[in-house]
Amino acid sequence: MRLTAETLDQLKAGRFEDFLDDGAAQLRQRFPTRFYGFEDDAALDAGRNVVGFSFETVCALGRRSGLLAMRIAFLRTAFGFGVLDDVRWSRARQLVDAQVTAATIKPNTSIGTYLTETRRVWDRPAFARGAQARRLLLDMDRGPTWDAVLLHLERSHEEVGSYVSEPTLREFINQSYVDATMLGLKDEMALYLHVLAADALGRHFFDDPLLPDWGTLYRTGNERQIVTALQDALSPKEP
């Protein structure tokens, strides 16, 4: 995935607002399914936020580069806002870190290649992977167990050929569990549901500009409403 020359020229000329607008337009063009349901103005704002936060990230990493910011924005749009902190997609973070320390960024196409190679994983409805098995998991009379959640994640990733290892998935579960407790979730079912949602939507989905409703819901701190919404999203509806 290559950036348009116009995007880079805008940043070089100091037209940061134009850079955000054009970057948002590129995200909508390249990842249209992530913008389904957005009105045009809301889609523009969401895309601008992804690009803007990604530019803040590269500055924090010590490499003020609009090109790298857009590549991170591509990764976040594909895999979720927390992709750089998500152990399932550690390869993405490795590619970003390599560009941060590289002598030159422009000719490096590794992130675009990675997105192309993993398209079967991210270019699909968020809750499609493992949907039927997840419904059975959540219908268990006594509720799921962490071992059952781990097995479900292993099989659902195998379903799309991503083959995330068991140790990596255990670490991901721990990461997402900690995220949930930091957000104030305490009920065991809420913790299970949050981990399953993070697997589908990406780590830090509650901060994702492309998933504003989840952010609004989590900020209420109403655990009962959060559980209900997670159950509705994670359990496929019968026709």
C-alpha atoms as a PDB file:
ATOM      1  CA  MET A   1       0.000   0.000   0.000  1.00  0.00           C
ATOM      2  CA  ARG A   2       1.556   3.247  -1.141  1.00  0.00           C
ATOM      3  CA  LEU A   3       0.742   6.781  -0.073  1.00  0.00           C
ATOM      4  CA  THR A   4      -0.233   9.349  -2.644  1.00  0.00           C
ATOM      5  CA  ALA A   5       2.333  11.996  -3.485  1.00  0.00           C
ATOM      6  CA  GLU A   6      -0.270  14.609  -2.550  1.00  0.00           C
ATOM      7  CA  THR A   7      -0.391  13.348   1.043  1.00  0.00           C
ATOM      8  CA  LEU A   8       3.351  13.638   1.483  1.00  0.00           C
ATOM      9  CA  ASP A   9       3.517  17.027  -0.218  1.00  0.00           C
ATOM     10  CA  GLN A  10       0.854  18.383   2.114  1.00  0.00           C
ATOM     11  CA  LEU A  11       2.781  17.359   5.207  1.00  0.00           C
ATOM     12  CA  LYS A  12       6.042  18.735   3.847  1.00  0.00           C
ATOM     13  CA  ALA A  13       4.339  22.045   3.124  1.00  0.00           C
ATOM     14  CA  GLY A  14       3.108  22.253   6.701  1.00  0.00           C
ATOM     15  CA  ARG A  15      -0.548  21.796   5.765  1.00  0.00           C
ATOM     16  CA  PHE A  16      -1.300  19.408   8.593  1.00  0.00           C
ATOM     17  CA  GLU A  17      -5.087  19.745   8.366  1.00  0.00           C
ATOM     18  CA  ASP A  18      -4.923  18.825   4.680  1.00  0.00           C
ATOM     19  CA  PHE A  19      -2.673  15.902   5.588  1.00  0.00           C
ATOM     20  CA  LEU A  20      -5.291  14.642   8.047  1.00  0.00           C
ATOM     21  CA  ASP A  21      -8.109  15.057   5.524  1.00  0.00           C
ATOM     22  CA  ASP A  22      -6.254  13.295   2.736  1.00  0.00           C
ATOM     23  CA  GLY A  23      -5.074  10.559   5.093  1.00  0.00           C
ATOM     24  CA  ALA A  24      -8.650   9.966   6.238  1.00  0.00           C
ATOM     25  CA  ALA A  25      -9.772   9.749   2.611  1.00  0.00           C
ATOM     26  CA  GLN A  26      -7.101   7.133   1.946  1.00  0.00           C
ATOM     27  CA  LEU A  27      -8.245   5.042   4.888  1.00  0.00           C
ATOM     28  CA  ARG A  28     -11.823   5.115   3.614  1.00  0.00           C
ATOM     29  CA  GLN A  29     -10.701   4.144   0.137  1.00  0.00           C
ATOM     30  CA  ARG A  30      -8.430   1.285   1.234  1.00  0.00           C
ATOM     31  CA  PHE A  31     -10.521  -0.069   4.117  1.00  0.00           C
ATOM     32  CA  PRO A  32     -14.149   0.665   3.178  1.00  0.00           C
ATOM     33  CA  THR A  33     -15.640  -2.002   5.451  1.00  0.00           C
ATOM     34  CA  ARG A  34     -14.227  -0.257   8.523  1.00  0.00           C
ATOM     35  CA  PHE A  35     -16.349   2.796   7.705  1.00  0.00           C
ATOM     36  CA  TYR A  36     -19.703   1.091   7.109  1.00  0.00           C
ATOM     37  CA  GLY A  37     -22.479   2.841   8.995  1.00  0.00           C
ATOM     38  CA  PHE A  38     -20.667   6.179   9.293  1.00  0.00           C
ATOM     39  CA  GLU A  39     -22.134   9.386   7.936  1.00  0.00           C
ATOM     40  CA  ASP A  40     -19.629  11.246   5.757  1.00  0.00           C
ATOM     41  CA  ASP A  41     -18.720  13.834   8.398  1.00  0.00           C
ATOM     42  CA  ALA A  42     -18.339  11.200  11.110  1.00  0.00           C
ATOM     43  CA  ALA A  43     -16.213   9.030   8.819  1.00  0.00           C
ATOM     44  CA  LEU A  44     -13.946  11.983   8.083  1.00  0.00           C
ATOM     45  CA  ASP A  45     -13.548  12.775  11.789  1.00  0.00           C
ATOM     46  CA  ALA A  46     -12.830   9.143  12.665  1.00  0.00           C
ATOM     47  CA  GLY A  47     -10.258   8.781   9.904  1.00  0.00           C
ATOM     48  CA  ARG A  48      -8.602  12.066  10.863  1.00  0.00           C
ATOM     49  CA  ASN A  49      -8.337  10.848  14.451  1.00  0.00           C
ATOM     50  CA  VAL A  50      -6.663   7.599  13.405  1.00  0.00           C
ATOM     51  CA  VAL A  51      -4.158   9.524  11.276  1.00  0.00           C
ATOM     52  CA  GLY A  52      -3.591  12.180  13.928  1.00  0.00           C
ATOM     53  CA  PHE A  53      -3.039   9.679  16.738  1.00  0.00           C
ATOM     54  CA  SER A  54      -0.667   7.757  14.481  1.00  0.00           C
ATOM     55  CA  PHE A  55       1.344  10.911  13.843  1.00  0.00           C
ATOM     56  CA  GLU A  56       1.534  11.458  17.612  1.00  0.00           C
ATOM     57  CA  THR A  57       2.807   7.885  17.914  1.00  0.00           C
ATOM     58  CA  VAL A  58       5.675   8.358  15.464  1.00  0.00           C
ATOM     59  CA  CYS A  59       6.659  11.575  17.216  1.00  0.00           C
ATOM     60  CA  ALA A  60       6.692   9.716  20.545  1.00  0.00           C
ATOM     61  CA  LEU A  61       8.874   7.053  18.927  1.00  0.00           C
ATOM     62  CA  GLY A  62      11.322   9.750  17.883  1.00  0.00           C
ATOM     63  CA  ARG A  63      10.703   9.551  14.140  1.00  0.00           C
ATOM     64  CA  ARG A  64       8.563  12.488  12.959  1.00  0.00           C
ATOM     65  CA  SER A  65       7.447  11.042   9.645  1.00  0.00           C
ATOM     66  CA  GLY A  66       4.128  11.467   7.899  1.00  0.00           C
ATOM     67  CA  LEU A  67       4.916   8.430   5.787  1.00  0.00           C
ATOM     68  CA  LEU A  68       5.400   6.200   8.817  1.00  0.00           C
ATOM     69  CA  ALA A  69       2.360   7.751  10.506  1.00  0.00           C
ATOM     70  CA  MET A  70       0.192   6.717   7.578  1.00  0.00           C
ATOM     71  CA  ARG A  71       1.625   3.213   7.593  1.00  0.00           C
ATOM     72  CA  ILE A  72       0.730   2.915  11.264  1.00  0.00           C
ATOM     73  CA  ALA A  73      -2.733   4.288  10.463  1.00  0.00           C
ATOM     74  CA  PHE A  74      -3.112   1.534   7.858  1.00  0.00           C
ATOM     75  CA  LEU A  75      -2.143  -1.100  10.438  1.00  0.00           C
ATOM     76  CA  ARG A  76      -4.552   0.326  13.016  1.00  0.00           C
ATOM     77  CA  THR A  77      -7.405   0.433  10.556  1.00  0.00           C
ATOM     78  CA  ALA A  78      -6.779  -3.168   9.526  1.00  0.00           C
ATOM     79  CA  PHE A  79      -6.022  -4.822  12.870  1.00  0.00           C
ATOM     80  CA  GLY A  80      -7.487  -2.423  15.406  1.00  0.00           C
ATOM     81  CA  PHE A  81      -6.281   0.634  17.250  1.00  0.00           C
ATOM     82  CA  GLY A  82      -4.063  -1.271  19.689  1.00  0.00           C
ATOM     83  CA  VAL A  83      -2.183  -3.267  17.052  1.00  0.00           C
ATOM     84  CA  LEU A  84       1.228  -2.003  18.160  1.00  0.00           C
ATOM     85  CA  ASP A  85       0.604  -3.381  21.668  1.00  0.00           C
ATOM     86  CA  ASP A  86      -1.140  -6.584  20.561  1.00  0.00           C
ATOM     87  CA  VAL A  87       1.072  -9.676  20.843  1.00  0.00           C
ATOM     88  CA  ARG A  88      -0.970 -11.515  18.225  1.00  0.00           C
ATOM     89  CA  TRP A  89       0.347  -9.101  15.615  1.00  0.00           C
ATOM     90  CA  SER A  90       3.860  -8.611  16.979  1.00  0.00           C
ATOM     91  CA  ARG A  91       5.201  -8.706  13.435  1.00  0.00           C
ATOM     92  CA  ALA A  92       3.474  -5.374  12.789  1.00  0.00           C
ATOM     93  CA  ARG A  93       5.292  -3.771  15.727  1.00  0.00           C
ATOM     94  CA  GLN A  94       8.596  -5.239  14.563  1.00  0.00           C
ATOM     95  CA  LEU A  95       8.132  -3.695  11.117  1.00  0.00           C
ATOM     96  CA  VAL A  96       7.317  -0.296  12.631  1.00  0.00           C
ATOM     97  CA  ASP A  97      10.314  -0.419  14.968  1.00  0.00           C
ATOM     98  CA  ALA A  98      12.576  -1.317  12.045  1.00  0.00           C
ATOM     99  CA  GLN A  99      11.405   1.768  10.164  1.00  0.00           C
ATOM    100  CA  VAL A 100      11.843   3.979  13.215  1.00  0.00           C
ATOM    101  CA  THR A 101      15.539   3.100  13.290  1.00  0.00           C
ATOM    102  CA  ALA A 102      16.079   2.881   9.521  1.00  0.00           C
ATOM    103  CA  ALA A 103      18.340   5.361   7.748  1.00  0.00           C
ATOM    104  CA  THR A 104      15.524   6.133   5.314  1.00  0.00           C
ATOM    105  CA  ILE A 105      11.826   5.284   5.430  1.00  0.00           C
ATOM    106  CA  LYS A 106      10.529   6.104   1.970  1.00  0.00           C
ATOM    107  CA  PRO A 107      11.554   2.992  -0.021  1.00  0.00           C
ATOM    108  CA  ASN A 108      10.480   0.522   2.660  1.00  0.00           C
ATOM    109  CA  THR A 109       7.391  -1.418   1.536  1.00  0.00           C
ATOM    110  CA  SER A 110       7.419  -4.058   4.284  1.00  0.00           C
ATOM    111  CA  ILE A 111       4.230  -2.858   6.023  1.00  0.00           C
ATOM    112  CA  GLY A 112       2.290  -2.768   2.767  1.00  0.00           C
ATOM    113  CA  THR A 113       3.503  -6.274   1.970  1.00  0.00           C
ATOM    114  CA  TYR A 114       2.485  -7.469   5.431  1.00  0.00           C
ATOM    115  CA  LEU A 115      -1.015  -6.039   5.003  1.00  0.00           C
ATOM    116  CA  THR A 116      -1.356  -7.732   1.630  1.00  0.00           C
ATOM    117  CA  GLU A 117      -0.186 -11.075   3.001  1.00  0.00           C
ATOM    118  CA  THR A 118      -2.601 -10.927   5.950  1.00  0.00           C
ATOM    119  CA  ARG A 119      -5.601  -9.581   4.072  1.00  0.00           C
ATOM    120  CA  ARG A 120      -7.564 -12.814   4.596  1.00  0.00           C
ATOM    121  CA  VAL A 121      -7.326 -12.160   8.349  1.00  0.00           C
ATOM    122  CA  TRP A 122      -8.418  -8.526   8.590  1.00  0.00           C
ATOM    123  CA  ASP A 123     -10.574  -7.965   5.488  1.00  0.00           C
ATOM    124  CA  ARG A 124     -13.700  -9.622   6.853  1.00  0.00           C
ATOM    125  CA  PRO A 125     -16.533  -8.722   9.251  1.00  0.00           C
ATOM    126  CA  ALA A 126     -15.106  -8.277  12.729  1.00  0.00           C
ATOM    127  CA  PHE A 127     -17.148 -11.006  14.413  1.00  0.00           C
ATOM    128  CA  ALA A 128     -17.149 -13.504  11.533  1.00  0.00           C
ATOM    129  CA  ARG A 129     -14.123 -15.519  12.624  1.00  0.00           C
ATOM    130  CA  GLY A 130     -15.259 -18.381  14.868  1.00  0.00           C
ATOM    131  CA  ALA A 131     -18.804 -17.027  15.070  1.00  0.00           C
ATOM    132  CA  GLN A 132     -20.724 -20.287  15.449  1.00  0.00           C
ATOM    133  CA  ALA A 133     -18.226 -21.824  17.858  1.00  0.00           C
ATOM    134  CA  ARG A 134     -18.291 -18.635  19.917  1.00  0.00           C
ATOM    135  CA  ARG A 135     -22.078 -18.834  20.191  1.00  0.00           C
ATOM    136  CA  LEU A 136     -21.779 -22.374  21.567  1.00  0.00           C
ATOM    137  CA  LEU A 137     -19.033 -21.242  23.933  1.00  0.00           C
ATOM    138  CA  LEU A 138     -21.239 -18.506  25.365  1.00  0.00           C
ATOM    139  CA  ASP A 139     -24.259 -20.827  25.580  1.00  0.00           C
ATOM    140  CA  MET A 140     -22.499 -23.175  28.000  1.00  0.00           C
ATOM    141  CA  ASP A 141     -24.761 -23.705  31.030  1.00  0.00           C
ATOM    142  CA  ARG A 142     -22.038 -22.859  33.530  1.00  0.00           C
ATOM    143  CA  GLY A 143     -20.407 -20.231  31.377  1.00  0.00           C
ATOM    144  CA  PRO A 144     -17.046 -20.537  29.623  1.00  0.00           C
ATOM    145  CA  THR A 145     -13.724 -21.275  31.270  1.00  0.00           C
ATOM    146  CA  TRP A 146     -10.394 -19.673  30.415  1.00  0.00           C
ATOM    147  CA  ASP A 147      -9.179 -22.964  28.960  1.00  0.00           C
ATOM    148  CA  ALA A 148     -12.251 -23.060  26.729  1.00  0.00           C
ATOM    149  CA  VAL A 149     -11.661 -19.453  25.669  1.00  0.00           C
ATOM    150  CA  LEU A 150      -8.046 -20.251  24.810  1.00  0.00           C
ATOM    151  CA  LEU A 151      -9.052 -23.281  22.741  1.00  0.00           C
ATOM    152  CA  HIS A 152     -11.683 -21.217  20.947  1.00  0.00           C
ATOM    153  CA  LEU A 153      -9.152 -18.513  20.061  1.00  0.00           C
ATOM    154  CA  GLU A 154      -6.696 -21.110  18.750  1.00  0.00           C
ATOM    155  CA  ARG A 155      -9.304 -22.711  16.499  1.00  0.00           C
ATOM    156  CA  SER A 156     -10.772 -19.438  15.271  1.00  0.00           C
ATOM    157  CA  HIS A 157      -7.347 -18.178  14.201  1.00  0.00           C
ATOM    158  CA  GLU A 158      -6.642 -21.479  12.451  1.00  0.00           C
ATOM    159  CA  GLU A 159      -9.928 -20.961  10.606  1.00  0.00           C
ATOM    160  CA  VAL A 160      -8.441 -18.005   8.693  1.00  0.00           C
ATOM    161  CA  GLY A 161      -4.896 -19.334   8.522  1.00  0.00           C
ATOM    162  CA  SER A 162      -3.308 -16.930  11.007  1.00  0.00           C
ATOM    163  CA  TYR A 163      -2.102 -19.746  13.324  1.00  0.00           C
ATOM    164  CA  VAL A 164      -1.325 -17.695  16.426  1.00  0.00           C
ATOM    165  CA  SER A 165       0.578 -19.888  18.884  1.00  0.00           C
ATOM    166  CA  GLU A 166      -0.860 -21.009  22.223  1.00  0.00           C
ATOM    167  CA  PRO A 167       1.716 -19.080  24.307  1.00  0.00           C
ATOM    168  CA  THR A 168       0.983 -15.928  22.306  1.00  0.00           C
ATOM    169  CA  LEU A 169      -2.758 -16.335  22.795  1.00  0.00           C
ATOM    170  CA  ARG A 170      -2.248 -16.889  26.523  1.00  0.00           C
ATOM    171  CA  GLU A 171      -0.318 -13.629  26.662  1.00  0.00           C
ATOM    172  CA  PHE A 172      -3.037 -11.886  24.647  1.00  0.00           C
ATOM    173  CA  ILE A 173      -5.686 -13.139  27.073  1.00  0.00           C
ATOM    174  CA  ASN A 174      -3.636 -11.813  29.977  1.00  0.00           C
ATOM    175  CA  GLN A 175      -3.175  -8.445  28.244  1.00  0.00           C
ATOM    176  CA  SER A 176      -6.882  -8.088  27.536  1.00  0.00           C
ATOM    177  CA  TYR A 177      -7.835  -9.281  31.022  1.00  0.00           C
ATOM    178  CA  VAL A 178      -5.655  -6.565  32.542  1.00  0.00           C
ATOM    179  CA  ASP A 179      -7.182  -3.992  30.166  1.00  0.00           C
ATOM    180  CA  ALA A 180     -10.661  -5.029  31.301  1.00  0.00           C
ATOM    181  CA  THR A 181      -9.853  -4.784  34.998  1.00  0.00           C
ATOM    182  CA  MET A 182      -8.211  -1.390  34.476  1.00  0.00           C
ATOM    183  CA  LEU A 183     -11.479  -0.280  32.868  1.00  0.00           C
ATOM    184  CA  GLY A 184     -13.338  -1.305  36.001  1.00  0.00           C
ATOM    185  CA  LEU A 185     -14.852  -4.616  34.879  1.00  0.00           C
ATOM    186  CA  LYS A 186     -15.156  -7.111  37.731  1.00  0.00           C
ATOM    187  CA  ASP A 187     -17.814  -9.664  36.828  1.00  0.00           C
ATOM    188  CA  GLU A 188     -16.278 -12.895  35.498  1.00  0.00           C
ATOM    189  CA  MET A 189     -18.589 -13.016  32.488  1.00  0.00           C
ATOM    190  CA  ALA A 190     -17.727  -9.404  31.674  1.00  0.00           C
ATOM    191  CA  LEU A 191     -14.038 -10.338  31.639  1.00  0.00           C
ATOM    192  CA  TYR A 192     -14.643 -13.323  29.346  1.00  0.00           C
ATOM    193  CA  LEU A 193     -16.709 -11.201  26.981  1.00  0.00           C
ATOM    194  CA  HIS A 194     -14.179  -8.379  26.914  1.00  0.00           C
ATOM    195  CA  VAL A 195     -11.371 -10.767  25.946  1.00  0.00           C
ATOM    196  CA  LEU A 196     -13.475 -12.276  23.152  1.00  0.00           C
ATOM    197  CA  ALA A 197     -14.399  -8.808  21.895  1.00  0.00           C
ATOM    198  CA  ALA A 198     -10.753  -7.730  21.961  1.00  0.00           C
ATOM    199  CA  ASP A 199      -9.899 -10.772  19.854  1.00  0.00           C
ATOM    200  CA  ALA A 200     -12.518  -9.778  17.283  1.00  0.00           C
ATOM    201  CA  LEU A 201     -12.154  -5.983  17.298  1.00  0.00           C
ATOM    202  CA  GLY A 202      -8.530  -5.582  18.326  1.00  0.00           C
ATOM    203  CA  ARG A 203      -6.892  -4.704  21.586  1.00  0.00           C
ATOM    204  CA  HIS A 204      -7.886  -1.258  22.894  1.00  0.00           C
ATOM    205  CA  PHE A 205     -11.098  -1.374  20.825  1.00  0.00           C
ATOM    206  CA  PHE A 206     -12.647   0.822  23.524  1.00  0.00           C
ATOM    207  CA  ASP A 207     -10.311   3.642  22.390  1.00  0.00           C
ATOM    208  CA  ASP A 208     -10.651   3.053  18.641  1.00  0.00           C
ATOM    209  CA  PRO A 209     -11.891   6.144  16.749  1.00  0.00           C
ATOM    210  CA  LEU A 210     -13.470   3.750  14.240  1.00  0.00           C
ATOM    211  CA  LEU A 211     -15.526   2.116  17.020  1.00  0.00           C
ATOM    212  CA  PRO A 212     -16.907   5.183  18.821  1.00  0.00           C
ATOM    213  CA  ASP A 213     -19.952   3.436  20.285  1.00  0.00           C
ATOM    214  CA  TRP A 214     -17.767   1.069  22.298  1.00  0.00           C
ATOM    215  CA  GLY A 215     -15.772   3.965  23.663  1.00  0.00           C
ATOM    216  CA  THR A 216     -18.947   5.765  24.697  1.00  0.00           C
ATOM    217  CA  LEU A 217     -20.312   2.638  26.364  1.00  0.00           C
ATOM    218  CA  TYR A 218     -17.158   1.792  28.298  1.00  0.00           C
ATOM    219  CA  ARG A 219     -16.855   5.362  29.548  1.00  0.00           C
ATOM    220  CA  THR A 220     -20.246   5.042  31.260  1.00  0.00           C
ATOM    221  CA  GLY A 221     -18.731   2.468  33.610  1.00  0.00           C
ATOM    222  CA  ASN A 222     -22.075   0.618  33.614  1.00  0.00           C
ATOM    223  CA  GLU A 223     -20.934  -2.996  33.717  1.00  0.00           C
ATOM    224  CA  ARG A 224     -24.403  -4.438  33.177  1.00  0.00           C
ATOM    225  CA  GLN A 225     -24.907  -2.429  29.987  1.00  0.00           C
ATOM    226  CA  ILE A 226     -21.409  -3.344  28.804  1.00  0.00           C
ATOM    227  CA  VAL A 227     -22.091  -7.058  29.340  1.00  0.00           C
ATOM    228  CA  THR A 228     -25.392  -6.860  27.472  1.00  0.00           C
ATOM    229  CA  ALA A 229     -23.818  -5.056  24.520  1.00  0.00           C
ATOM    230  CA  LEU A 230     -20.895  -7.489  24.376  1.00  0.00           C
ATOM    231  CA  GLN A 231     -23.241 -10.482  24.465  1.00  0.00           C
ATOM    232  CA  ASP A 232     -25.338  -9.031  21.645  1.00  0.00           C
ATOM    233  CA  ALA A 233     -22.259  -8.381  19.512  1.00  0.00           C
ATOM    234  CA  LEU A 234     -20.497 -11.681  20.168  1.00  0.00           C
ATOM    235  CA  SER A 235     -23.463 -14.040  19.768  1.00  0.00           C
ATOM    236  CA  PRO A 236     -24.567 -14.283  16.131  1.00  0.00           C
ATOM    237  CA  LYS A 237     -28.267 -13.732  15.716  1.00  0.00           C
ATOM    238  CA  GLU A 238     -30.360 -16.622  14.462  1.00  0.00           C
ATOM    239  CA  PRO A 239     -32.054 -15.968  11.088  1.00  0.00           C
END
